[in-house]
């Protein structure tokens, strides 16, 4: 497992969360929602954060900050679903959030 430490959080490959919460990352769900997600996540304490995106038929791809709780094995949305128009914008907001806490 490759990790990186930056400030007050660590960066890990997303496959750890995929293994713990497989139905969220299933090929069927990915196809249905036309989903994509980061290859890495940011871990702070017992929470893992990453960016996902969904694209519905004729609409633009939009981005959401996701939070995975390692204790409860649950997935949450941080902020609003599809709040960001670019991945860069979502990642900037996520990093600001990580540095605040």
C-alpha atoms as a PDB file:
ATOM      1  CA  UNK A   1       0.000   0.000   0.000  1.00  0.00           C
ATOM      2  CA  UNK A   2       1.384   3.370  -0.979  1.00  0.00           C
ATOM      3  CA  UNK A   3       0.645   6.274   1.323  1.00  0.00           C
ATOM      4  CA  UNK A   4       1.604   9.890   1.514  1.00  0.00           C
ATOM      5  CA  UNK A   5       1.330  12.310   4.414  1.00  0.00           C
ATOM      6  CA  UNK A   6       0.452  15.950   3.931  1.00  0.00           C
ATOM      7  CA  UNK A   7      -0.320  18.292   6.802  1.00  0.00           C
ATOM      8  CA  UNK A   8      -2.853  16.690   9.107  1.00  0.00           C
ATOM      9  CA  UNK A   9      -4.135  13.963   6.753  1.00  0.00           C
ATOM     10  CA  UNK A  10      -2.776  10.975   4.854  1.00  0.00           C
ATOM     11  CA  UNK A  11      -3.369   9.958   1.233  1.00  0.00           C
ATOM     12  CA  UNK A  12      -4.131   6.318   0.358  1.00  0.00           C
ATOM     13  CA  UNK A  13      -5.257   4.355  -2.727  1.00  0.00           C
ATOM     14  CA  UNK A  14      -9.068   4.221  -2.985  1.00  0.00           C
ATOM     15  CA  UNK A  15      -9.077   0.401  -3.186  1.00  0.00           C
ATOM     16  CA  UNK A  16      -9.212   0.186   0.626  1.00  0.00           C
ATOM     17  CA  UNK A  17     -12.620   1.912   0.668  1.00  0.00           C
ATOM     18  CA  UNK A  18     -13.745  -0.045  -2.414  1.00  0.00           C
ATOM     19  CA  UNK A  19     -13.048  -3.285  -0.529  1.00  0.00           C
ATOM     20  CA  UNK A  20     -14.932  -2.159   2.596  1.00  0.00           C
ATOM     21  CA  UNK A  21     -17.965  -0.729   0.743  1.00  0.00           C
ATOM     22  CA  UNK A  22     -18.165  -2.760  -2.496  1.00  0.00           C
ATOM     23  CA  UNK A  23     -21.782  -2.131  -3.513  1.00  0.00           C
ATOM     24  CA  UNK A  24     -21.162   1.644  -3.788  1.00  0.00           C
ATOM     25  CA  UNK A  25     -18.288   0.960  -6.208  1.00  0.00           C
ATOM     26  CA  UNK A  26     -19.931  -1.880  -8.150  1.00  0.00           C
ATOM     27  CA  UNK A  27     -19.800  -1.956 -11.946  1.00  0.00           C
ATOM     28  CA  UNK A  28     -23.618  -1.859 -12.031  1.00  0.00           C
ATOM     29  CA  UNK A  29     -23.807   1.298  -9.914  1.00  0.00           C
ATOM     30  CA  UNK A  30     -20.954   2.847 -11.868  1.00  0.00           C
ATOM     31  CA  UNK A  31     -22.751   2.181 -15.148  1.00  0.00           C
ATOM     32  CA  UNK A  32     -26.197   3.285 -13.899  1.00  0.00           C
ATOM     33  CA  UNK A  33     -24.978   6.614 -12.483  1.00  0.00           C
ATOM     34  CA  UNK A  34     -22.151   7.015 -15.016  1.00  0.00           C
ATOM     35  CA  UNK A  35     -19.931   7.446 -11.937  1.00  0.00           C
ATOM     36  CA  UNK A  36     -16.239   8.092 -11.614  1.00  0.00           C
ATOM     37  CA  UNK A  37     -14.134   8.594  -8.519  1.00  0.00           C
ATOM     38  CA  UNK A  38     -10.650   9.523  -7.436  1.00  0.00           C
ATOM     39  CA  UNK A  39      -7.915   6.887  -7.390  1.00  0.00           C
ATOM     40  CA  UNK A  40      -6.879   8.123  -3.947  1.00  0.00           C
ATOM     41  CA  UNK A  41      -8.609   9.265  -0.796  1.00  0.00           C
ATOM     42  CA  UNK A  42      -7.622  11.565   2.060  1.00  0.00           C
ATOM     43  CA  UNK A  43      -7.753   9.993   5.499  1.00  0.00           C
ATOM     44  CA  UNK A  44      -8.152  12.000   8.658  1.00  0.00           C
ATOM     45  CA  UNK A  45      -8.884  10.040  11.809  1.00  0.00           C
ATOM     46  CA  UNK A  46     -11.563   7.436  11.125  1.00  0.00           C
ATOM     47  CA  UNK A  47     -12.867   9.217   7.982  1.00  0.00           C
ATOM     48  CA  UNK A  48     -11.818   8.903   4.348  1.00  0.00           C
ATOM     49  CA  UNK A  49     -12.627  11.656   1.834  1.00  0.00           C
ATOM     50  CA  UNK A  50     -12.656  11.521  -1.957  1.00  0.00           C
ATOM     51  CA  UNK A  51     -14.260  13.126  -4.994  1.00  0.00           C
ATOM     52  CA  UNK A  52     -16.915  11.377  -7.062  1.00  0.00           C
ATOM     53  CA  UNK A  53     -18.662  12.516 -10.205  1.00  0.00           C
ATOM     54  CA  UNK A  54     -21.852  11.552 -11.982  1.00  0.00           C
ATOM     55  CA  UNK A  55     -23.144  12.468 -15.408  1.00  0.00           C
ATOM     56  CA  UNK A  56     -26.742  12.086 -16.396  1.00  0.00           C
ATOM     57  CA  UNK A  57     -27.512  11.631 -20.098  1.00  0.00           C
ATOM     58  CA  UNK A  58     -27.354  15.122 -21.652  1.00  0.00           C
ATOM     59  CA  UNK A  59     -26.161  16.968 -18.570  1.00  0.00           C
ATOM     60  CA  UNK A  60     -22.626  18.048 -17.692  1.00  0.00           C
ATOM     61  CA  UNK A  61     -20.505  15.943 -15.341  1.00  0.00           C
ATOM     62  CA  UNK A  62     -20.692  17.311 -11.773  1.00  0.00           C
ATOM     63  CA  UNK A  63     -18.588  16.566  -8.692  1.00  0.00           C
ATOM     64  CA  UNK A  64     -19.324  15.700  -5.075  1.00  0.00           C
ATOM     65  CA  UNK A  65     -17.180  15.355  -1.947  1.00  0.00           C
ATOM     66  CA  UNK A  66     -17.715  11.963  -0.291  1.00  0.00           C
ATOM     67  CA  UNK A  67     -16.944  10.879   3.254  1.00  0.00           C
ATOM     68  CA  UNK A  68     -16.468   7.247   4.242  1.00  0.00           C
ATOM     69  CA  UNK A  69     -16.669   6.412   7.950  1.00  0.00           C
ATOM     70  CA  UNK A  70     -14.346   3.505   8.772  1.00  0.00           C
ATOM     71  CA  UNK A  71     -16.114   2.826  12.085  1.00  0.00           C
ATOM     72  CA  UNK A  72     -19.670   2.532  10.755  1.00  0.00           C
ATOM     73  CA  UNK A  73     -18.738   1.562   7.164  1.00  0.00           C
ATOM     74  CA  UNK A  74     -21.110   4.244   5.875  1.00  0.00           C
ATOM     75  CA  UNK A  75     -20.827   6.719   3.007  1.00  0.00           C
ATOM     76  CA  UNK A  76     -21.971  10.338   3.282  1.00  0.00           C
ATOM     77  CA  UNK A  77     -22.040  13.392   1.056  1.00  0.00           C
ATOM     78  CA  UNK A  78     -20.197  16.475   2.300  1.00  0.00           C
ATOM     79  CA  UNK A  79     -21.990  19.640   1.250  1.00  0.00           C
ATOM     80  CA  UNK A  80     -24.510  19.244  -1.551  1.00  0.00           C
ATOM     81  CA  UNK A  81     -24.738  16.409  -4.048  1.00  0.00           C
ATOM     82  CA  UNK A  82     -23.078  17.501  -7.332  1.00  0.00           C
ATOM     83  CA  UNK A  83     -22.157  20.851  -5.774  1.00  0.00           C
ATOM     84  CA  UNK A  84     -19.084  21.423  -7.964  1.00  0.00           C
ATOM     85  CA  UNK A  85     -18.725  21.955 -11.697  1.00  0.00           C
ATOM     86  CA  UNK A  86     -15.049  20.891 -11.785  1.00  0.00           C
ATOM     87  CA  UNK A  87     -12.971  18.293 -10.002  1.00  0.00           C
ATOM     88  CA  UNK A  88     -10.393  20.980  -9.229  1.00  0.00           C
ATOM     89  CA  UNK A  89     -13.021  23.073  -7.448  1.00  0.00           C
ATOM     90  CA  UNK A  90     -14.185  20.073  -5.388  1.00  0.00           C
ATOM     91  CA  UNK A  91     -10.625  19.092  -4.469  1.00  0.00           C
ATOM     92  CA  UNK A  92      -9.786  22.649  -3.399  1.00  0.00           C
ATOM     93  CA  UNK A  93     -12.830  22.710  -1.111  1.00  0.00           C
ATOM     94  CA  UNK A  94     -11.981  19.271   0.299  1.00  0.00           C
ATOM     95  CA  UNK A  95      -8.396  20.263   1.098  1.00  0.00           C
ATOM     96  CA  UNK A  96      -9.603  23.466   2.795  1.00  0.00           C
ATOM     97  CA  UNK A  97     -12.008  21.374   4.878  1.00  0.00           C
ATOM     98  CA  UNK A  98      -9.229  18.977   5.883  1.00  0.00           C
ATOM     99  CA  UNK A  99      -6.982  21.822   6.990  1.00  0.00           C
ATOM    100  CA  UNK A 100      -9.759  23.505   9.040  1.00  0.00           C
ATOM    101  CA  UNK A 101     -10.340  20.593  11.372  1.00  0.00           C
END
